[in-house]
């Protein structure tokens, strides 16, 4: 009995011991499997990085500014036979799109022409003349999508809106005293709200036109953003001219003639999208540039340069990896109607289902990469410069670092430029897709410090032909073009294989950042096309965003 009892007592103990040992063995096996899987994943990442390095080196060798110049010469010829420009909705743009699309299709890409409608605009007249008490002309630029005056303009007295201490000039209905603006042209200082809101408030008070003057030096190149927002004819003038006119109004009646006329009509245009037939569609790498010019010129730097760089790199990728063995899908985009407010990129992003957006691991943008008096700028993904709108979505810092590291290996000094929403990365960062890219400057002025970095001429614009008829082949800096094309090629090679370190999936937070502005004490260099944080007087200058394409909206 005692022996039996002892056996009965011992049996559960033996069972428990056996079960515990089995669990421990299972746990050990699971841990070993996890370690093995982790090591396998790390090995896969290392192998992908190695393949990316190899493809990147090959593409950098094969691509060049000289190769991109072939496409720039083609764009130049197209513009010459298309009324001197390649603007969205014109034959020049259509011909440019079909030129690029045909080459990409022949190289083996899946090519899509994504059509969309937009409001085409063309400036017909923009003029402001003081009639009394003296006579003089004041340079004026119409706000795009404005209401038009009759041919010959409208003649009316000027009524100056008060300048508010907080800078919100003309942003409230109370800024326009009833009866003061009836039948008059409102003179309003920039600041605090959109130009559309200012002219709408003036219209509600009875004004028949609006002239908005800048709150910083330089011309005011603005937009009302949408034809539906336009209430009265509106144009912009410089700070100096606006202050002089306001001072004159304070002394007595001033009569002016305002003529702003803009042709508007609905037209159709299209983006050109080309993607590799191989690669993981759930991990898509995107690079893009806008193909359209402004109506005023052929747009060879803005943005034939970026388009040519994208196109040449895509063609070289097809040759270097003709079997399409790279791990990730690569998609190239040539956008239309950027100059009218990022319309092509906005249409693309807005029409992507959330699940498709989540498959895009990154977007790199290349807009104006061959400015004649160039600077070398990479978009400030981590906001380390502390200027403007803040950092890009998670992953943007890595994209910036990768570009900076590449230029560093080539002994090319690189500086940051702010995400202002002034080019086609805007719609991507608004939905949380990591973004980056390069830029060589537009109408901003090169500083003495920047001259030491890159040569050129201090005190002059990076591109003195920005948005003008002289943006021709003579407006291209060969060295800037070559270095940036190789930067595109390096990025394509690496990311076609390896996007480790970048967030993926629908959990990426949206980044509604484009209207953010810092307090005056924290503001840095003018953001957007043309300025970087390198200027010595950065702390004293206001942020000039946000933009809608190439134009200010506030």
Protein backbone atom coordinates (compact mmCIF):
# COMPACT_ATOMS: atom_id res chain seq x y z
CA UNK A 1 0.00 0.00 0.00
CA UNK A 2 2.78 2.39 0.93
CA UNK A 3 4.59 1.57 -2.29
CA UNK A 4 1.40 2.07 -4.28
CA UNK A 5 0.74 5.37 -2.57
CA UNK A 6 4.27 6.46 -3.25
CA UNK A 7 3.83 5.53 -6.90
CA UNK A 8 0.53 7.41 -7.06
CA UNK A 9 2.12 10.48 -5.57
CA UNK A 10 5.11 10.28 -7.83
CA UNK A 11 3.18 9.88 -11.07
CA UNK A 12 1.70 13.40 -11.20
CA UNK A 13 5.10 14.79 -10.42
CA UNK A 14 6.58 12.84 -13.30
CA UNK A 15 3.77 14.04 -15.58
CA UNK A 16 4.29 17.67 -14.62
CA UNK A 17 8.02 17.35 -15.09
CA UNK A 18 7.53 15.83 -18.53
CA UNK A 19 5.07 18.55 -19.58
CA UNK A 20 7.36 21.32 -18.37
CA UNK A 21 10.28 19.85 -20.25
CA UNK A 22 8.18 19.62 -23.42
CA UNK A 23 7.11 23.26 -23.13
CA UNK A 24 10.66 24.33 -22.58
CA UNK A 25 11.76 22.34 -25.60
CA UNK A 26 8.98 23.90 -27.72
CA UNK A 27 9.88 27.36 -26.50
CA UNK A 28 13.51 26.77 -27.32
CA UNK A 29 12.55 25.54 -30.78
CA UNK A 30 10.35 28.57 -31.40
CA UNK A 31 13.09 30.90 -30.29
CA UNK A 32 15.54 29.13 -32.54
CA UNK A 33 13.09 29.42 -35.43
CA UNK A 34 12.59 33.10 -34.72
CA UNK A 35 16.33 33.66 -34.58
CA UNK A 36 16.73 31.78 -37.82
CA UNK A 37 13.93 33.80 -39.45
CA UNK A 38 15.44 37.03 -38.17
CA UNK A 39 18.86 36.06 -39.46
CA UNK A 40 17.28 35.07 -42.78
CA UNK A 41 15.49 38.44 -43.00
CA UNK A 42 18.71 40.27 -42.19
CA UNK A 43 20.51 38.26 -44.82
CA UNK A 44 17.81 39.13 -47.36
CA UNK A 45 18.14 42.84 -46.53
CA UNK A 46 21.92 42.62 -46.85
CA UNK A 47 21.62 40.83 -50.16
CA UNK A 48 19.10 43.39 -51.46
CA UNK A 49 21.37 46.24 -50.38
CA UNK A 50 24.28 44.57 -52.16
CA UNK A 51 22.25 44.18 -55.34
CA UNK A 52 21.11 47.78 -55.03
CA UNK A 53 24.68 49.00 -54.70
CA UNK A 54 25.63 47.05 -57.81
CA UNK A 55 22.75 48.39 -59.91
CA UNK A 56 23.28 51.93 -58.65
CA UNK A 57 26.94 51.90 -59.67
CA UNK A 58 26.01 50.62 -63.11
CA UNK A 59 23.33 53.27 -63.62
CA UNK A 60 25.56 56.11 -62.40
CA UNK A 61 28.18 55.05 -64.95
CA UNK A 62 25.66 54.87 -67.76
CA UNK A 63 23.66 58.04 -67.12
CA UNK A 64 24.91 61.56 -67.74
CA UNK A 65 23.87 65.10 -68.38
CA UNK A 66 24.92 64.56 -71.96
CA UNK A 67 22.35 61.79 -72.30
CA UNK A 68 19.66 64.00 -70.77
CA UNK A 69 20.59 66.79 -73.21
CA UNK A 70 19.30 64.63 -76.08
CA UNK A 71 15.84 64.86 -74.59
CA UNK A 72 16.21 68.56 -73.83
CA UNK A 73 17.04 69.18 -77.47
CA UNK A 74 13.91 67.26 -78.42
CA UNK A 75 11.79 69.33 -76.02
CA UNK A 76 13.35 72.48 -77.44
CA UNK A 77 12.45 71.46 -80.98
CA UNK A 78 8.91 70.61 -79.91
CA UNK A 79 8.48 74.05 -78.35
CA UNK A 80 9.80 75.78 -81.47
CA UNK A 81 7.08 74.11 -83.54
CA UNK A 82 4.40 74.61 -80.88
CA UNK A 83 4.03 78.38 -80.40
CA UNK A 84 7.19 78.56 -78.29
CA UNK A 85 5.99 76.63 -75.25
CA UNK A 86 5.01 73.23 -73.84
CA UNK A 87 2.22 74.34 -71.49
CA UNK A 88 -0.43 71.91 -70.31
CA UNK A 89 -3.36 71.76 -72.69
CA UNK A 90 -1.30 72.81 -75.72
CA UNK A 91 0.22 70.94 -78.66
CA UNK A 92 3.66 71.50 -77.15
CA UNK A 93 2.81 69.51 -74.06
CA UNK A 94 0.97 66.79 -75.97
CA UNK A 95 3.95 66.33 -78.28
CA UNK A 96 6.36 66.25 -75.33
CA UNK A 97 4.22 63.60 -73.61
CA UNK A 98 4.02 61.41 -76.68
CA UNK A 99 7.77 61.74 -77.27
CA UNK A 100 8.54 60.54 -73.75
CA UNK A 101 5.81 57.90 -73.74
CA UNK A 102 6.94 56.39 -77.03
CA UNK A 103 10.52 56.03 -75.81
CA UNK A 104 9.42 54.47 -72.53
CA UNK A 105 7.08 52.02 -74.25
CA UNK A 106 9.79 51.00 -76.69
CA UNK A 107 12.10 50.38 -73.72
CA UNK A 108 9.62 47.85 -72.33
CA UNK A 109 7.74 49.84 -69.72
CA UNK A 110 4.01 49.63 -69.15
CA UNK A 111 2.99 53.15 -70.19
CA UNK A 112 -0.26 54.86 -69.23
CA UNK A 113 -1.52 58.27 -70.34
CA UNK A 114 -3.71 59.43 -67.45
CA UNK A 115 -6.15 62.02 -68.76
CA UNK A 116 -7.85 64.71 -66.71
CA UNK A 117 -9.69 67.97 -67.30
CA UNK A 118 -8.50 71.33 -66.02
CA UNK A 119 -9.08 75.02 -66.48
CA UNK A 120 -6.55 76.28 -68.97
CA UNK A 121 -5.51 79.89 -68.41
CA UNK A 122 -3.64 82.44 -70.47
CA UNK A 123 -2.82 86.03 -69.54
CA UNK A 124 -4.30 88.54 -71.99
CA UNK A 125 -3.68 91.82 -70.15
CA UNK A 126 -2.24 92.95 -66.83
CA UNK A 127 -1.88 96.69 -66.32
CA UNK A 128 -2.35 99.28 -63.59
CA UNK A 129 -2.18 102.98 -64.44
CA UNK A 130 -2.49 105.88 -62.01
CA UNK A 131 -4.60 108.60 -63.69
CA UNK A 132 -4.92 111.23 -60.96
CA UNK A 133 -3.52 113.25 -59.25
CA UNK A 134 -0.53 112.34 -61.48
CA UNK A 135 -0.06 109.82 -64.25
CA UNK A 136 2.20 106.78 -64.12
CA UNK A 137 2.15 103.06 -64.77
CA UNK A 138 2.59 100.61 -61.91
CA UNK A 139 3.89 97.11 -62.83
CA UNK A 140 1.22 94.55 -61.95
CA UNK A 141 0.84 90.78 -62.26
CA UNK A 142 -2.66 89.37 -62.41
CA UNK A 143 -3.66 86.72 -59.89
CA UNK A 144 -4.28 83.54 -61.86
CA UNK A 145 -7.92 82.45 -62.15
CA UNK A 146 -9.03 86.05 -61.55
CA UNK A 147 -12.20 87.57 -62.88
CA UNK A 148 -11.43 89.71 -65.91
CA UNK A 149 -12.09 93.39 -66.47
CA UNK A 150 -13.62 94.58 -69.75
CA UNK A 151 -11.11 95.21 -72.52
CA UNK A 152 -9.55 98.58 -71.75
CA UNK A 153 -9.93 98.06 -68.00
CA UNK A 154 -12.03 99.72 -65.30
CA UNK A 155 -11.49 103.26 -64.04
CA UNK A 156 -12.21 103.89 -60.36
CA UNK A 157 -10.90 105.57 -57.20
CA UNK A 158 -8.67 103.59 -54.85
CA UNK A 159 -9.70 102.75 -51.28
CA UNK A 160 -6.91 101.44 -49.06
CA UNK A 161 -7.76 98.72 -46.54
CA UNK A 162 -6.30 99.27 -43.05
CA UNK A 163 -3.03 97.53 -42.18
CA UNK A 164 -3.61 95.41 -39.07
CA UNK A 165 -1.02 95.13 -36.32
CA UNK A 166 -1.23 91.32 -36.43
CA UNK A 167 -0.64 91.21 -40.20
CA UNK A 168 -4.10 89.82 -41.02
CA UNK A 169 -4.75 92.60 -43.49
CA UNK A 170 -8.14 92.40 -45.19
CA UNK A 171 -8.87 88.95 -43.79
CA UNK A 172 -12.08 89.92 -42.01
CA UNK A 173 -15.24 91.55 -43.28
CA UNK A 174 -14.79 94.25 -40.62
CA UNK A 175 -11.62 95.42 -42.37
CA UNK A 176 -13.81 96.89 -45.12
CA UNK A 177 -16.10 99.58 -43.77
CA UNK A 178 -19.47 99.52 -45.53
CA UNK A 179 -19.89 102.37 -47.98
CA UNK A 180 -16.14 103.07 -48.21
CA UNK A 181 -15.44 100.63 -51.03
CA UNK A 182 -18.57 100.88 -53.20
CA UNK A 183 -17.49 101.16 -56.83
CA UNK A 184 -13.81 101.44 -55.86
CA UNK A 185 -10.64 99.40 -56.24
CA UNK A 186 -9.46 98.02 -52.91
CA UNK A 187 -5.76 98.30 -52.11
CA UNK A 188 -4.83 95.52 -49.65
CA UNK A 189 -1.55 94.50 -48.08
CA UNK A 190 -0.56 90.85 -48.26
CA UNK A 191 -0.59 88.72 -45.12
CA UNK A 192 -2.70 86.59 -42.82
CA UNK A 193 -4.98 84.75 -45.26
CA UNK A 194 -5.37 83.73 -48.87
CA UNK A 195 -5.58 86.22 -51.70
CA UNK A 196 -8.94 84.67 -52.56
CA UNK A 197 -10.29 85.58 -49.14
CA UNK A 198 -9.03 89.15 -49.36
CA UNK A 199 -10.65 89.83 -52.73
CA UNK A 200 -13.89 88.14 -51.63
CA UNK A 201 -14.12 90.39 -48.55
CA UNK A 202 -13.49 93.43 -50.74
CA UNK A 203 -16.17 92.29 -53.18
CA UNK A 204 -18.69 91.87 -50.34
CA UNK A 205 -17.99 95.49 -49.38
CA UNK A 206 -18.80 96.68 -52.90
CA UNK A 207 -15.31 96.91 -54.46
CA UNK A 208 -15.10 96.42 -58.23
CA UNK A 209 -11.44 95.35 -58.20
CA UNK A 210 -8.58 94.50 -55.87
CA UNK A 211 -4.87 95.25 -55.91
CA UNK A 212 -2.81 93.33 -53.35
CA UNK A 213 0.68 94.54 -52.54
CA UNK A 214 3.52 92.43 -51.21
CA UNK A 215 4.70 92.45 -47.60
CA UNK A 216 8.30 91.79 -48.64
CA UNK A 217 10.56 92.88 -51.47
CA UNK A 218 9.91 91.51 -54.94
CA UNK A 219 7.02 91.05 -57.33
CA UNK A 220 3.88 89.30 -56.11
CA UNK A 221 3.19 86.23 -58.24
CA UNK A 222 -0.08 84.94 -56.82
CA UNK A 223 -3.14 82.84 -57.53
CA UNK A 224 -6.74 82.74 -56.36
CA UNK A 225 -6.42 78.98 -56.58
CA UNK A 226 -9.67 78.19 -58.36
CA UNK A 227 -11.88 80.05 -60.87
CA UNK A 228 -14.82 79.42 -58.54
CA UNK A 229 -13.13 81.52 -55.85
CA UNK A 230 -12.80 84.60 -58.06
CA UNK A 231 -15.17 87.48 -57.33
CA UNK A 232 -13.53 90.62 -58.74
CA UNK A 233 -10.55 91.42 -61.00
CA UNK A 234 -7.40 91.04 -58.87
CA UNK A 235 -3.69 91.69 -59.39
CA UNK A 236 -0.51 91.96 -57.35
CA UNK A 237 2.17 94.66 -57.07
CA UNK A 238 5.40 95.14 -55.14
CA UNK A 239 5.65 96.31 -51.56
CA UNK A 240 7.29 99.59 -52.60
CA UNK A 241 4.61 100.40 -55.17
CA UNK A 242 1.83 99.43 -52.79
CA UNK A 243 3.13 101.55 -49.94
CA UNK A 244 3.64 104.53 -52.26
CA UNK A 245 0.08 104.18 -53.55
CA UNK A 246 -1.34 103.83 -50.02
CA UNK A 247 0.52 106.97 -48.91
CA UNK A 248 -0.88 108.87 -51.87
CA UNK A 249 -4.43 107.67 -51.10
CA UNK A 250 -4.05 108.90 -47.52
CA UNK A 251 -3.46 112.43 -48.85
CA UNK A 252 -6.41 112.56 -51.23
CA UNK A 253 -8.33 110.82 -53.97
CA UNK A 254 -6.35 108.64 -56.37
CA UNK A 255 -7.97 107.33 -59.53
CA UNK A 256 -6.54 104.37 -61.43
CA UNK A 257 -7.28 102.20 -64.42
CA UNK A 258 -7.03 98.47 -63.72
CA UNK A 259 -6.97 96.01 -66.59
CA UNK A 260 -6.54 92.30 -65.85
CA UNK A 261 -7.86 89.89 -68.44
CA UNK A 262 -7.33 86.15 -68.50
CA UNK A 263 -8.55 83.62 -71.03
CA UNK A 264 -9.97 80.52 -69.34
CA UNK A 265 -11.39 77.37 -70.85
CA UNK A 266 -11.77 73.70 -70.01
CA UNK A 267 -9.16 71.51 -71.64
CA UNK A 268 -7.84 67.97 -71.35
CA UNK A 269 -4.25 66.99 -70.63
CA UNK A 270 -2.53 63.87 -69.33
CA UNK A 271 0.19 62.57 -67.06
CA UNK A 272 2.63 60.03 -68.46
CA UNK A 273 3.13 57.04 -66.14
CA UNK A 274 5.63 54.28 -66.88
CA UNK A 275 6.32 51.32 -64.61
CA UNK A 276 8.53 48.27 -64.75
CA UNK A 277 6.78 45.02 -65.58
CA UNK A 278 8.74 43.22 -62.87
CA UNK A 279 9.21 43.98 -59.20
CA UNK A 280 6.96 43.73 -56.18
CA UNK A 281 3.84 45.88 -56.78
CA UNK A 282 3.28 46.01 -53.03
CA UNK A 283 6.57 47.89 -52.70
CA UNK A 284 6.56 50.54 -55.41
CA UNK A 285 9.27 53.16 -55.80
CA UNK A 286 8.13 56.38 -57.52
CA UNK A 287 10.12 59.19 -59.10
CA UNK A 288 8.66 62.12 -60.99
CA UNK A 289 9.03 65.51 -62.62
CA UNK A 290 6.59 67.87 -64.26
CA UNK A 291 6.64 67.96 -68.03
CA UNK A 292 4.68 71.15 -68.66
CA UNK A 293 6.17 74.61 -69.11
CA UNK A 294 4.54 77.99 -68.52
CA UNK A 295 2.91 79.57 -71.60
CA UNK A 296 5.59 82.27 -71.63
CA UNK A 297 8.40 79.99 -72.80
CA UNK A 298 9.74 76.53 -73.68
CA UNK A 299 10.64 75.66 -70.07
CA UNK A 300 13.92 73.88 -70.71
CA UNK A 301 15.20 74.26 -67.14
CA UNK A 302 11.69 74.47 -65.65
CA UNK A 303 11.14 71.67 -66.06
CA UNK A 304 12.59 70.07 -69.14
CA UNK A 305 15.68 69.37 -67.02
CA UNK A 306 13.89 67.24 -64.44
CA UNK A 307 11.83 65.47 -67.10
CA UNK A 308 14.93 64.72 -69.17
CA UNK A 309 16.73 63.38 -66.09
CA UNK A 310 13.84 61.07 -65.24
CA UNK A 311 13.46 59.91 -68.83
CA UNK A 312 17.16 59.20 -69.37
CA UNK A 313 17.43 57.26 -66.10
CA UNK A 314 14.37 55.19 -66.95
CA UNK A 315 15.81 54.27 -70.34
CA UNK A 316 19.15 53.31 -68.80
CA UNK A 317 17.42 51.19 -66.15
CA UNK A 318 15.66 49.26 -68.89
CA UNK A 319 19.03 48.52 -70.53
CA UNK A 320 20.96 47.75 -67.34
CA UNK A 321 18.30 45.45 -65.89
CA UNK A 322 16.54 44.32 -69.04
CA UNK A 323 15.24 41.12 -67.44
CA UNK A 324 13.55 43.10 -64.68
CA UNK A 325 15.06 41.11 -61.83
CA UNK A 326 15.04 43.98 -59.33
CA UNK A 327 12.98 43.36 -56.21
CA UNK A 328 10.69 46.40 -56.20
CA UNK A 329 8.43 47.88 -58.84
CA UNK A 330 9.70 51.22 -60.15
CA UNK A 331 7.22 53.77 -61.47
CA UNK A 332 8.21 56.96 -63.28
CA UNK A 333 5.83 59.91 -63.64
CA UNK A 334 5.90 62.94 -65.92
CA UNK A 335 3.22 65.25 -64.55
CA UNK A 336 1.08 67.74 -66.41
CA UNK A 337 -0.31 71.08 -65.22
CA UNK A 338 2.13 71.53 -62.35
CA UNK A 339 2.46 75.18 -63.26
CA UNK A 340 -1.29 75.62 -62.77
CA UNK A 341 -1.27 74.23 -59.24
CA UNK A 342 0.16 70.68 -59.13
CA UNK A 343 -2.98 69.52 -60.93
CA UNK A 344 -1.53 66.37 -62.49
CA UNK A 345 0.06 65.06 -59.31
CA UNK A 346 -3.05 65.97 -57.31
CA UNK A 347 -5.26 64.11 -59.77
CA UNK A 348 -3.05 61.03 -59.56
CA UNK A 349 -2.88 60.89 -55.76
CA UNK A 350 -6.55 61.75 -55.22
CA UNK A 351 -7.65 58.97 -57.55
CA UNK A 352 -5.48 56.30 -55.93
CA UNK A 353 -7.37 54.05 -53.51
CA UNK A 354 -5.89 53.98 -50.01
CA UNK A 355 -4.63 50.45 -50.58
CA UNK A 356 -2.68 51.58 -53.65
CA UNK A 357 -1.23 54.58 -51.84
CA UNK A 358 0.04 52.23 -49.16
CA UNK A 359 2.05 50.34 -51.77
CA UNK A 360 4.12 53.45 -52.64
CA UNK A 361 7.21 53.32 -50.45
CA UNK A 362 8.63 56.67 -51.50
CA UNK A 363 8.34 59.53 -53.96
CA UNK A 364 11.32 61.52 -55.25
CA UNK A 365 10.72 64.77 -57.16
CA UNK A 366 13.09 66.55 -59.54
CA UNK A 367 12.08 70.07 -60.54
CA UNK A 368 14.61 72.50 -62.06
CA UNK A 369 17.89 70.57 -61.79
CA UNK A 370 20.06 72.61 -64.18
CA UNK A 371 19.71 76.28 -63.20
CA UNK A 372 22.42 78.42 -64.84
CA UNK A 373 23.52 80.11 -61.59
CA UNK A 374 22.76 76.95 -59.66
CA UNK A 375 22.72 75.91 -56.04
CA UNK A 376 22.59 72.26 -55.05
CA UNK A 377 19.66 71.61 -52.73
CA UNK A 378 18.01 68.50 -51.30
CA UNK A 379 14.59 68.70 -49.69
CA UNK A 380 14.91 68.98 -45.93
CA UNK A 381 13.19 65.77 -44.89
CA UNK A 382 14.10 66.01 -41.21
CA UNK A 383 13.64 69.79 -40.85
CA UNK A 384 17.20 70.10 -39.58
CA UNK A 385 17.34 73.59 -41.10
CA UNK A 386 14.37 74.65 -38.96
CA UNK A 387 12.73 76.75 -41.67
CA UNK A 388 9.30 76.84 -43.24
CA UNK A 389 6.73 74.09 -43.11
CA UNK A 390 8.51 71.44 -41.03
CA UNK A 391 9.71 67.89 -41.74
CA UNK A 392 8.35 65.54 -44.35
CA UNK A 393 6.49 62.33 -43.49
CA UNK A 394 8.34 59.52 -41.71
CA UNK A 395 11.05 58.22 -44.03
CA UNK A 396 11.74 61.59 -45.66
CA UNK A 397 14.78 62.08 -43.45
CA UNK A 398 16.32 58.90 -44.84
CA UNK A 399 15.67 60.00 -48.40
CA UNK A 400 17.42 63.29 -47.71
CA UNK A 401 20.36 61.53 -46.06
CA UNK A 402 20.77 59.12 -48.96
CA UNK A 403 20.91 62.02 -51.43
CA UNK A 404 23.32 64.00 -49.27
CA UNK A 405 25.56 60.94 -48.84
CA UNK A 406 25.69 60.40 -52.60
CA UNK A 407 26.62 64.02 -53.35
CA UNK A 408 29.23 63.88 -50.56
CA UNK A 409 30.95 60.93 -52.25
CA UNK A 410 31.24 63.11 -55.33
CA UNK A 411 32.58 66.12 -53.38
CA UNK A 412 29.51 68.17 -54.27
CA UNK A 413 28.37 70.51 -51.45
CA UNK A 414 24.66 70.14 -50.75
CA UNK A 415 22.28 72.23 -48.66
CA UNK A 416 18.66 71.88 -47.58
CA UNK A 417 15.57 73.42 -49.12
CA UNK A 418 12.14 73.50 -47.50
CA UNK A 419 9.06 71.46 -48.34
CA UNK A 420 6.68 74.26 -49.31
CA UNK A 421 4.25 72.35 -51.52
CA UNK A 422 5.50 74.30 -54.51
CA UNK A 423 6.12 71.22 -56.63
CA UNK A 424 4.65 67.79 -57.27
CA UNK A 425 5.79 66.19 -54.02
CA UNK A 426 3.03 68.19 -52.30
CA UNK A 427 0.12 65.76 -52.84
CA UNK A 428 2.33 62.84 -51.77
CA UNK A 429 3.44 64.29 -48.46
CA UNK A 430 -0.15 65.33 -47.72
CA UNK A 431 -1.09 61.63 -47.57
CA UNK A 432 1.98 60.61 -45.59
CA UNK A 433 4.18 59.16 -48.35
CA UNK A 434 7.91 59.76 -47.67
CA UNK A 435 9.30 62.25 -50.18
CA UNK A 436 12.50 63.94 -51.22
CA UNK A 437 14.37 65.17 -54.27
CA UNK A 438 16.73 67.83 -55.55
CA UNK A 439 16.44 71.37 -56.84
CA UNK A 440 18.92 73.96 -58.14
CA UNK A 441 17.00 77.19 -57.55
CA UNK A 442 14.62 79.50 -59.38
CA UNK A 443 14.01 83.23 -58.84
CA UNK A 444 15.75 83.34 -55.45
CA UNK A 445 19.04 85.20 -55.12
CA UNK A 446 22.37 83.44 -54.65
CA UNK A 447 24.24 84.57 -51.56
CA UNK A 448 27.97 85.21 -51.19
CA UNK A 449 28.24 82.09 -49.05
CA UNK A 450 26.58 80.02 -51.76
CA UNK A 451 28.92 81.46 -54.37
CA UNK A 452 31.83 80.07 -52.35
CA UNK A 453 30.17 76.65 -52.36
CA UNK A 454 29.14 76.36 -56.00
CA UNK A 455 30.63 79.27 -57.93
CA UNK A 456 28.40 81.42 -60.08
CA UNK A 457 27.41 84.99 -59.30
CA UNK A 458 26.28 86.23 -55.90
CA UNK A 459 23.46 88.76 -55.88
CA UNK A 460 21.81 87.28 -58.97
CA UNK A 461 18.97 84.79 -59.36
CA UNK A 462 19.71 81.10 -59.62
CA UNK A 463 17.69 81.24 -62.84
CA UNK A 464 17.24 84.72 -64.27
CA UNK A 465 15.09 83.24 -67.08
CA UNK A 466 12.63 81.60 -64.67
CA UNK A 467 9.17 81.49 -66.34
CA UNK A 468 10.38 83.53 -69.31
CA UNK A 469 10.89 83.00 -73.02
CA UNK A 470 14.66 82.83 -72.47
CA UNK A 471 14.39 79.49 -70.62
CA UNK A 472 16.02 77.78 -73.60
CA UNK A 473 18.91 75.38 -74.08
CA UNK A 474 21.25 78.28 -73.33
CA UNK A 475 19.70 78.40 -69.86
CA UNK A 476 21.01 74.93 -68.88
CA UNK A 477 24.05 74.45 -66.65
CA UNK A 478 25.73 71.25 -67.86
CA UNK A 479 27.48 70.43 -64.58
CA UNK A 480 24.37 70.83 -62.43
CA UNK A 481 22.41 68.69 -64.89
CA UNK A 482 25.02 65.93 -64.89
CA UNK A 483 25.34 65.73 -61.11
CA UNK A 484 21.58 65.64 -60.60
CA UNK A 485 20.96 63.05 -63.29
CA UNK A 486 23.51 60.80 -61.61
CA UNK A 487 21.75 61.39 -58.28
CA UNK A 488 18.50 60.20 -59.87
CA UNK A 489 20.27 57.14 -61.27
CA UNK A 490 21.85 56.30 -57.91
CA UNK A 491 18.48 56.53 -56.16
CA UNK A 492 16.75 54.34 -58.76
CA UNK A 493 19.45 51.69 -58.52
CA UNK A 494 19.35 51.45 -54.74
CA UNK A 495 15.60 51.69 -54.20
CA UNK A 496 14.79 49.26 -57.01
CA UNK A 497 16.30 46.66 -54.71
CA UNK A 498 16.23 48.02 -51.20
CA UNK A 499 13.73 50.22 -49.35
CA UNK A 500 14.57 49.00 -45.86
CA UNK A 501 14.28 51.73 -43.26
CA UNK A 502 11.23 53.29 -44.92
CA UNK A 503 7.73 52.95 -43.40
CA UNK A 504 5.13 51.07 -45.37
CA UNK A 505 1.40 50.47 -45.11
CA UNK A 506 -1.86 52.22 -44.44
CA UNK A 507 -0.77 53.19 -40.93
CA UNK A 508 1.40 56.01 -42.25
CA UNK A 509 0.01 59.25 -40.82
CA UNK A 510 -1.18 61.95 -43.20
CA UNK A 511 0.99 65.04 -43.10
CA UNK A 512 -1.15 68.15 -43.48
CA UNK A 513 1.73 70.57 -43.26
CA UNK A 514 1.66 72.85 -46.28
CA UNK A 515 -0.03 75.82 -44.64
CA UNK A 516 2.16 75.76 -41.55
CA UNK A 517 4.15 78.88 -40.85
CA UNK A 518 6.51 79.72 -38.03
CA UNK A 519 6.39 82.79 -35.81
CA UNK A 520 8.38 85.68 -37.22
CA UNK A 521 11.18 85.14 -34.72
CA UNK A 522 11.64 81.55 -35.92
CA UNK A 523 11.30 82.07 -39.65
CA UNK A 524 14.16 81.21 -41.92
CA UNK A 525 15.05 81.75 -45.55
CA UNK A 526 12.37 82.13 -48.20
CA UNK A 527 11.08 78.66 -48.88
CA UNK A 528 10.31 76.97 -52.16
CA UNK A 529 11.81 77.39 -55.60
CA UNK A 530 14.80 79.61 -55.32
CA UNK A 531 15.80 79.80 -51.67
CA UNK A 532 17.57 77.69 -49.11
CA UNK A 533 18.45 78.05 -45.48
CA UNK A 534 22.00 79.07 -46.29
CA UNK A 535 21.43 82.82 -46.53
CA UNK A 536 23.14 84.89 -43.84
CA UNK A 537 20.04 87.04 -43.40
CA UNK A 538 17.70 84.05 -43.05
CA UNK A 539 16.39 84.92 -39.61
CA UNK A 540 15.06 88.28 -40.76
CA UNK A 541 13.06 87.07 -43.76
CA UNK A 542 9.50 85.73 -43.74
CA UNK A 543 8.43 82.38 -45.05
CA UNK A 544 6.79 82.95 -48.43
CA UNK A 545 4.55 79.88 -48.58
CA UNK A 546 2.32 78.22 -49.10
CA UNK A 547 2.36 77.74 -52.82
CA UNK A 548 0.01 76.25 -55.36
CA UNK A 549 2.36 75.14 -58.05
CA UNK A 550 4.57 78.07 -58.93
CA UNK A 551 2.33 80.74 -57.40
CA UNK A 552 1.62 81.96 -53.90
CA UNK A 553 -1.89 81.45 -52.61
CA UNK A 554 -1.54 83.77 -49.60
